[in-house]
Amino acid sequence: MRADRLLSMLLLLQHRGRMTAPQLAEQLEVSERTIYRDLDALSAAGVPVYAERGPRGGCVLRPGYRTDLTGLNQSEVASLFAGTARRALDDVGLGTGLRSALVKLEAGLPEARRTDAARVRQRLHVDAAAWFGADERSPQLMALRDAVFADRTVRLTYLRANGGAATRRVDPLGLVVKGGIWYLVTVTAGDTRVHRVSRIRRVVVTKDRFERPRQFDLATFWSAWSRDFIASIPDYRVRLRATARALGLLPQIFGDRVRTAIEAAGPPHADGVMIELTFDSREAACGRLLGLGTLVEVIEPRDLRDRLRQTAQAVSELYGGEGRRRARR
C-alpha cells in the first residue's frame, strides 16, 4: 500500500505543481505525519521533492522534473500486468480499482513498455484458485473489509468446529486470502486469533474505534501463524508397500509431496516399493488408502491394517451378501 501511495503522491505533485501537507493528507486519506514521512522516503529514493515554508509554501517538485514511468523495466511491467491478485481483490470490492489503476499506468508507459504489457497479458495468466475448491466468498466479507480499514470493533457470530455458534467482540486487524480461502485476523485483550471467513455467519460493525498494536505486521504474523498451524497438525505415519502401478497414481492422489517419498525409496522391485506417508489421523489414512485397493499394502501401523481389513469386510458384506439381495428386490 505504501508504494501505491508514494506513486500517487508523486503524480499529484507532478500534476498540480504545489500542494500543502493537509491537502495531500486529505487526498491520500492519511495523516500529515505520514505525508512528511513519505516525502522523506521519496527524497531518499532520489526524487527532487521538498517542502517550502510560509503562507504560500507547500510540497513541490523541482522545476522541470517529470516522471512518465519510464523507470519500469520489462520484468516490472510483467509483474504488474500478470493479474496475480485480481480475483481476490474482486472479492473485497477492489478489483475495479485495480483495473482502473492498470489502465492509467499503461497509459503512462512509453511505447515499448506498453507493448510488453500487451505481450504479458496474452502469454501469462496466473490463476491462484485451487482446483475443485468450494467458492468461499462470504456475504460478510465486505463488512469485514470496511471494519478492517476503518479500525472499527465488530461483533462476530461464527460456527465452532463442533457445529455450535459463538459470538465475540473483536478488533479486526486484517484479512488474508490463501488458496482462495479468506481468513480474518483479530485481537481481543491481547489474544490474537484467526477465523475462517466462511464460518462467520453475522457481522455487526460497531461505532467503536480501536488502536492497532504498534508492532503488529500482518504479513509477519501470518507467516509465523502458518508455520505453527502446520506444526500443530497431527502426524500419523504410515509405512506401506506400493506396486509399480500405484507409484504412478500416488502423486495424482496425494500431490507432489509424495514424489519425495517415492524418490527416497529407490527403484521398484518385483514385490513393490516400501514408502512412508503421513496423514492427519488413522481415519484419514483409512479413507484415502482404501480406494487404492490391492495396489498398496499397509505394513505399519498395525491398528491401521486392522481398520482397513474390518472396513473391507464390511464393504464386501454390503455388496456381496445381504446388501446384494436387498438391491435385487
Protein backbone atom coordinates (compact mmCIF):
# COMPACT_ATOMS: atom_id res chain seq x y z
CA MET A 1 0.00 0.00 0.00
CA ARG A 2 2.80 2.47 0.76
CA ALA A 3 4.37 2.03 -2.67
CA ASP A 4 0.99 2.87 -4.24
CA ARG A 5 0.71 5.96 -2.03
CA LEU A 6 4.19 7.20 -2.89
CA LEU A 7 3.45 6.87 -6.59
CA SER A 8 0.11 8.67 -6.13
CA MET A 9 1.83 11.50 -4.24
CA LEU A 10 4.44 11.85 -6.96
CA LEU A 11 1.81 12.02 -9.71
CA LEU A 12 -0.31 14.50 -7.71
CA LEU A 13 2.62 16.88 -7.23
CA GLN A 14 3.59 16.50 -10.85
CA HIS A 15 0.05 17.29 -12.00
CA ARG A 16 -0.86 20.10 -9.56
CA GLY A 17 2.55 21.63 -9.04
CA ARG A 18 2.23 22.52 -5.35
CA MET A 19 0.15 21.06 -2.53
CA THR A 20 0.16 21.58 1.21
CA ALA A 21 0.62 18.66 3.59
CA PRO A 22 -3.03 18.91 4.75
CA GLN A 23 -4.20 18.78 1.12
CA LEU A 24 -2.07 15.73 0.40
CA ALA A 25 -3.22 14.07 3.62
CA GLU A 26 -6.87 14.60 2.68
CA GLN A 27 -6.34 13.39 -0.88
CA LEU A 28 -4.44 10.27 0.15
CA GLU A 29 -6.51 9.64 3.30
CA VAL A 30 -3.56 9.56 5.71
CA SER A 31 -2.22 11.79 8.48
CA GLU A 32 0.02 14.81 7.91
CA ARG A 33 2.75 12.99 9.81
CA THR A 34 2.55 10.18 7.26
CA ILE A 35 2.82 12.72 4.43
CA TYR A 36 6.09 14.09 5.83
CA ARG A 37 7.46 10.55 6.23
CA ASP A 38 6.53 9.79 2.63
CA LEU A 39 8.23 12.98 1.44
CA ASP A 40 11.40 11.84 3.20
CA ALA A 41 11.08 8.43 1.52
CA LEU A 42 10.71 9.98 -1.93
CA SER A 43 13.67 12.26 -1.31
CA ALA A 44 15.80 9.32 -0.13
CA ALA A 45 14.87 7.50 -3.36
CA GLY A 46 16.27 10.36 -5.42
CA VAL A 47 13.05 12.23 -6.22
CA PRO A 48 13.70 16.01 -6.02
CA VAL A 49 10.80 16.85 -3.71
CA TYR A 50 10.89 19.31 -0.82
CA ALA A 51 8.63 21.35 1.48
CA GLU A 52 8.57 25.17 1.33
CA ARG A 53 7.62 27.17 4.41
CA GLY A 54 5.49 30.30 4.58
CA PRO A 55 1.92 31.27 3.66
CA ARG A 56 2.49 30.29 0.02
CA GLY A 57 4.52 27.24 0.90
CA GLY A 58 3.79 23.60 0.30
CA CYS A 59 5.23 20.40 -1.08
CA VAL A 60 6.75 20.78 -4.53
CA LEU A 61 8.89 19.00 -7.10
CA ARG A 62 11.99 20.64 -8.52
CA PRO A 63 11.03 22.71 -11.59
CA GLY A 64 11.37 20.67 -14.77
CA TYR A 65 11.23 17.28 -13.02
CA ARG A 66 8.78 14.83 -14.52
CA THR A 67 8.25 11.09 -14.45
CA ASP A 68 6.38 9.13 -17.09
CA LEU A 69 7.04 5.73 -15.55
CA THR A 70 9.95 5.15 -17.94
CA GLY A 71 11.84 3.69 -14.98
CA LEU A 72 9.81 0.48 -15.15
CA ASN A 73 11.77 -2.32 -16.77
CA GLN A 74 10.35 -5.30 -18.66
CA SER A 75 10.26 -7.55 -15.60
CA GLU A 76 8.45 -4.92 -13.52
CA VAL A 77 5.86 -4.40 -16.24
CA ALA A 78 5.32 -8.17 -16.41
CA SER A 79 4.71 -8.39 -12.66
CA LEU A 80 2.15 -5.57 -12.79
CA PHE A 81 0.09 -6.93 -15.68
CA ALA A 82 0.16 -10.68 -14.94
CA GLY A 83 -3.01 -10.43 -12.84
CA THR A 84 -1.89 -12.39 -9.79
CA ALA A 85 -4.38 -11.00 -7.24
CA ARG A 86 -7.32 -9.79 -9.29
CA ARG A 87 -9.88 -12.37 -8.17
CA ALA A 88 -9.03 -11.82 -4.51
CA LEU A 89 -9.37 -8.06 -4.95
CA ASP A 90 -12.74 -8.59 -6.65
CA ASP A 91 -13.87 -10.43 -3.53
CA VAL A 92 -13.31 -7.32 -1.39
CA GLY A 93 -14.52 -4.78 -3.93
CA LEU A 94 -11.11 -3.56 -5.06
CA GLY A 95 -10.90 -5.30 -8.42
CA THR A 96 -12.39 -2.38 -10.35
CA GLY A 97 -9.89 -0.02 -8.76
CA LEU A 98 -7.03 -2.31 -9.76
CA ARG A 99 -8.18 -2.48 -13.36
CA SER A 100 -8.58 1.30 -13.49
CA ALA A 101 -5.12 1.80 -11.99
CA LEU A 102 -3.55 -0.55 -14.53
CA VAL A 103 -5.20 1.34 -17.39
CA LYS A 104 -3.72 4.58 -16.06
CA LEU A 105 -0.32 3.00 -15.54
CA GLU A 106 -0.31 1.55 -19.03
CA ALA A 107 -1.23 4.95 -20.49
CA GLY A 108 1.82 6.45 -18.78
CA LEU A 109 4.23 3.84 -20.10
CA PRO A 110 6.47 4.51 -23.09
CA GLU A 111 5.51 2.69 -26.29
CA ALA A 112 7.99 -0.16 -25.81
CA ARG A 113 6.68 -0.94 -22.34
CA ARG A 114 3.04 -0.77 -23.47
CA THR A 115 3.93 -3.46 -26.00
CA ASP A 116 5.46 -5.50 -23.16
CA ALA A 117 2.22 -5.18 -21.16
CA ALA A 118 0.14 -6.46 -24.08
CA ARG A 119 2.51 -9.39 -24.61
CA VAL A 120 2.32 -10.36 -20.95
CA ARG A 121 -1.50 -10.42 -20.95
CA GLN A 122 -1.50 -12.74 -23.97
CA ARG A 123 1.24 -15.06 -22.72
CA LEU A 124 0.92 -15.26 -18.93
CA HIS A 125 -2.14 -15.80 -16.77
CA VAL A 126 -1.97 -16.59 -13.07
CA ASP A 127 -5.00 -18.34 -11.54
CA ALA A 128 -4.46 -18.63 -7.79
CA ALA A 129 -7.70 -20.53 -7.10
CA ALA A 130 -7.44 -24.17 -6.04
CA TRP A 131 -8.89 -26.93 -8.24
CA PHE A 132 -12.40 -28.07 -7.29
CA GLY A 133 -12.39 -25.76 -4.27
CA ALA A 134 -15.72 -24.54 -2.98
CA ASP A 135 -16.47 -20.87 -3.59
CA GLU A 136 -15.90 -19.37 -0.14
CA ARG A 137 -16.73 -15.77 -0.95
CA SER A 138 -18.81 -14.77 2.06
CA PRO A 139 -21.58 -12.15 2.19
CA GLN A 140 -19.83 -10.90 5.34
CA LEU A 141 -16.58 -10.12 3.50
CA MET A 142 -17.40 -6.54 2.51
CA ALA A 143 -18.48 -5.58 6.03
CA LEU A 144 -15.27 -7.08 7.39
CA ARG A 145 -13.22 -5.19 4.82
CA ASP A 146 -14.84 -1.90 5.85
CA ALA A 147 -14.22 -2.62 9.53
CA VAL A 148 -10.59 -3.56 8.90
CA PHE A 149 -9.82 -0.36 7.00
CA ALA A 150 -11.75 1.84 9.45
CA ASP A 151 -10.22 0.19 12.56
CA ARG A 152 -13.68 -0.47 14.00
CA THR A 153 -14.55 -3.13 16.54
CA VAL A 154 -17.01 -5.80 15.36
CA ARG A 155 -19.27 -8.43 16.89
CA LEU A 156 -18.89 -11.77 15.14
CA THR A 157 -21.21 -14.75 15.23
CA TYR A 158 -19.37 -17.77 13.86
CA LEU A 159 -19.59 -21.54 13.74
CA ARG A 160 -17.28 -23.51 16.00
CA ALA A 161 -15.61 -26.71 14.90
CA ASN A 162 -18.20 -28.72 16.88
CA GLY A 163 -21.06 -27.08 14.95
CA GLY A 164 -22.17 -24.73 17.72
CA ALA A 165 -22.34 -20.96 17.31
CA ALA A 166 -20.48 -18.34 19.34
CA THR A 167 -20.47 -14.54 19.42
CA ARG A 168 -17.37 -12.49 20.20
CA ARG A 169 -16.48 -8.81 20.24
CA VAL A 170 -13.14 -8.46 18.45
CA ASP A 171 -10.82 -5.93 16.84
CA PRO A 172 -10.22 -6.93 13.18
CA LEU A 173 -6.55 -6.46 12.28
CA GLY A 174 -6.56 -7.73 8.72
CA LEU A 175 -7.83 -10.08 6.02
CA VAL A 176 -5.72 -12.80 4.38
CA VAL A 177 -6.58 -14.91 1.34
CA LYS A 178 -4.78 -18.23 0.85
CA GLY A 179 -5.69 -20.71 -1.88
CA GLY A 180 -8.97 -18.89 -2.50
CA ILE A 181 -9.96 -19.09 1.18
CA TRP A 182 -10.35 -15.88 3.22
CA TYR A 183 -9.25 -15.57 6.84
CA LEU A 184 -9.82 -12.78 9.37
CA VAL A 185 -7.10 -11.95 11.91
CA THR A 186 -8.50 -10.48 15.13
CA VAL A 187 -7.32 -9.49 18.58
CA THR A 188 -9.19 -9.37 21.89
CA ALA A 189 -7.47 -8.44 25.15
CA GLY A 190 -4.09 -9.28 23.63
CA ASP A 191 -5.26 -12.65 22.28
CA THR A 192 -4.70 -12.79 18.50
CA ARG A 193 -6.79 -15.33 16.58
CA VAL A 194 -7.53 -16.40 13.02
CA HIS A 195 -11.11 -17.03 11.84
CA ARG A 196 -12.13 -18.63 8.57
CA VAL A 197 -14.46 -16.07 6.98
CA SER A 198 -16.80 -18.70 5.50
CA ARG A 199 -17.64 -19.79 9.06
CA ILE A 200 -18.69 -16.28 10.10
CA ARG A 201 -22.49 -16.06 10.00
CA ARG A 202 -23.10 -12.49 11.17
CA VAL A 203 -21.06 -9.28 11.43
CA VAL A 204 -22.07 -6.15 13.31
CA VAL A 205 -19.69 -3.23 12.78
CA THR A 206 -19.76 -1.02 15.86
CA LYS A 207 -19.02 2.70 16.09
CA ASP A 208 -16.10 1.99 18.43
CA ARG A 209 -12.62 2.51 17.01
CA PHE A 210 -9.64 0.57 18.27
CA GLU A 211 -5.93 1.29 18.21
CA ARG A 212 -3.88 -1.19 16.24
CA PRO A 213 -0.93 -2.76 18.09
CA ARG A 214 2.07 -0.69 17.04
CA GLN A 215 4.37 -3.65 16.47
CA PHE A 216 1.81 -5.74 14.57
CA ASP A 217 2.67 -6.60 10.96
CA LEU A 218 0.07 -8.68 9.13
CA ALA A 219 2.47 -10.49 6.77
CA THR A 220 4.90 -11.34 9.58
CA PHE A 221 2.09 -12.60 11.82
CA TRP A 222 0.58 -14.74 9.06
CA SER A 223 3.90 -16.34 8.20
CA ALA A 224 4.52 -17.31 11.84
CA TRP A 225 0.93 -18.45 12.40
CA SER A 226 1.02 -20.62 9.27
CA ARG A 227 4.19 -22.36 10.42
CA ASP A 228 2.68 -23.00 13.85
CA PHE A 229 -0.56 -24.28 12.31
CA ILE A 230 1.25 -26.77 10.07
CA ALA A 231 3.37 -27.94 13.01
CA SER A 232 0.22 -28.48 15.11
CA ILE A 233 -1.39 -30.88 12.63
CA PRO A 234 -1.25 -34.48 13.94
CA ASP A 235 1.39 -36.56 12.19
CA TYR A 236 0.11 -40.09 11.56
CA ARG A 237 2.88 -42.01 9.79
CA VAL A 238 2.11 -44.97 7.56
CA ARG A 239 4.63 -47.43 6.08
CA LEU A 240 3.29 -49.25 3.04
CA ARG A 241 4.28 -51.38 0.07
CA ALA A 242 3.23 -49.87 -3.26
CA THR A 243 3.07 -51.64 -6.62
CA ALA A 244 4.60 -50.09 -9.74
CA ARG A 245 1.15 -49.02 -10.89
CA ALA A 246 0.47 -47.35 -7.55
CA LEU A 247 3.65 -45.30 -7.88
CA GLY A 248 2.14 -43.56 -10.88
CA LEU A 249 -1.17 -42.90 -9.12
CA LEU A 250 0.03 -41.74 -5.71
CA PRO A 251 1.26 -38.27 -6.82
CA GLN A 252 -2.08 -37.67 -8.57
CA ILE A 253 -3.99 -38.53 -5.41
CA PHE A 254 -1.76 -37.10 -2.69
CA GLY A 255 0.09 -34.36 -4.54
CA ASP A 256 3.73 -33.66 -5.25
CA ARG A 257 4.79 -34.21 -1.63
CA VAL A 258 4.57 -37.97 -2.32
CA ARG A 259 7.24 -37.72 -5.02
CA THR A 260 9.89 -37.09 -2.37
CA ALA A 261 8.93 -40.30 -0.54
CA ILE A 262 8.96 -42.28 -3.79
CA GLU A 263 12.37 -40.94 -4.81
CA ALA A 264 13.77 -41.76 -1.37
CA ALA A 265 12.54 -45.35 -1.70
CA GLY A 266 14.75 -46.07 -4.71
CA PRO A 267 13.97 -48.19 -7.80
CA PRO A 268 10.91 -50.51 -7.61
CA HIS A 269 11.28 -54.25 -7.03
CA ALA A 270 9.11 -57.09 -8.24
CA ASP A 271 7.17 -57.11 -4.98
CA GLY A 272 6.78 -53.31 -4.87
CA VAL A 273 8.42 -50.40 -3.12
CA MET A 274 8.37 -49.55 0.58
CA ILE A 275 7.44 -45.91 1.15
CA GLU A 276 6.32 -43.80 4.09
CA LEU A 277 3.41 -41.35 4.00
CA THR A 278 1.90 -39.08 6.63
CA PHE A 279 -1.78 -38.36 7.32
CA ASP A 280 -3.71 -36.27 9.82
CA SER A 281 -5.23 -39.32 11.52
CA ARG A 282 -5.92 -43.03 11.22
CA GLU A 283 -9.40 -42.28 9.84
CA ALA A 284 -7.96 -40.05 7.14
CA ALA A 285 -5.39 -42.69 6.18
CA CYS A 286 -8.02 -45.43 6.03
CA GLY A 287 -10.39 -43.40 3.88
CA ARG A 288 -7.75 -42.40 1.34
CA LEU A 289 -5.85 -45.70 1.10
CA LEU A 290 -8.91 -47.92 0.88
CA GLY A 291 -9.68 -46.59 -2.59
CA LEU A 292 -6.35 -47.91 -3.87
CA GLY A 293 -7.47 -51.48 -3.20
CA THR A 294 -4.69 -54.04 -3.67
CA LEU A 295 -2.28 -51.55 -5.25
CA VAL A 296 -0.90 -50.77 -1.79
CA GLU A 297 -0.44 -52.81 1.37
CA VAL A 298 -0.08 -51.12 4.74
CA ILE A 299 2.77 -52.62 6.75
CA GLU A 300 2.64 -50.31 9.76
CA PRO A 301 0.95 -49.30 11.98
CA ARG A 302 -0.89 -52.45 12.95
CA ASP A 303 -4.07 -50.67 14.02
CA LEU A 304 -4.46 -49.22 10.51
CA ARG A 305 -4.09 -52.70 8.95
CA ASP A 306 -6.84 -53.92 11.27
CA ARG A 307 -9.08 -50.96 10.43
CA LEU A 308 -8.62 -51.46 6.68
CA ARG A 309 -9.42 -55.18 6.98
CA GLN A 310 -12.57 -54.51 9.00
CA THR A 311 -13.74 -51.85 6.56
CA ALA A 312 -13.04 -54.05 3.54
CA GLN A 313 -15.01 -56.91 5.12
CA ALA A 314 -17.93 -54.58 5.82
CA VAL A 315 -17.92 -53.36 2.21
CA SER A 316 -17.77 -56.94 0.94
CA GLU A 317 -20.75 -57.93 3.07
CA LEU A 318 -22.70 -54.87 1.92
CA TYR A 319 -22.28 -55.61 -1.77
CA GLY A 320 -21.80 -59.37 -1.75
CA GLY A 321 -24.18 -60.64 0.91
CA GLU A 322 -27.43 -59.34 2.34
CA GLY A 323 -26.85 -55.97 0.71
CA ARG A 324 -26.87 -57.57 -2.77
CA ARG A 325 -30.10 -59.44 -2.07
CA ARG A 326 -31.78 -56.21 -0.90
CA ALA A 327 -30.65 -54.43 -4.08
CA ARG A 328 -32.28 -57.13 -6.28
CA ARG A 329 -35.67 -56.74 -4.63
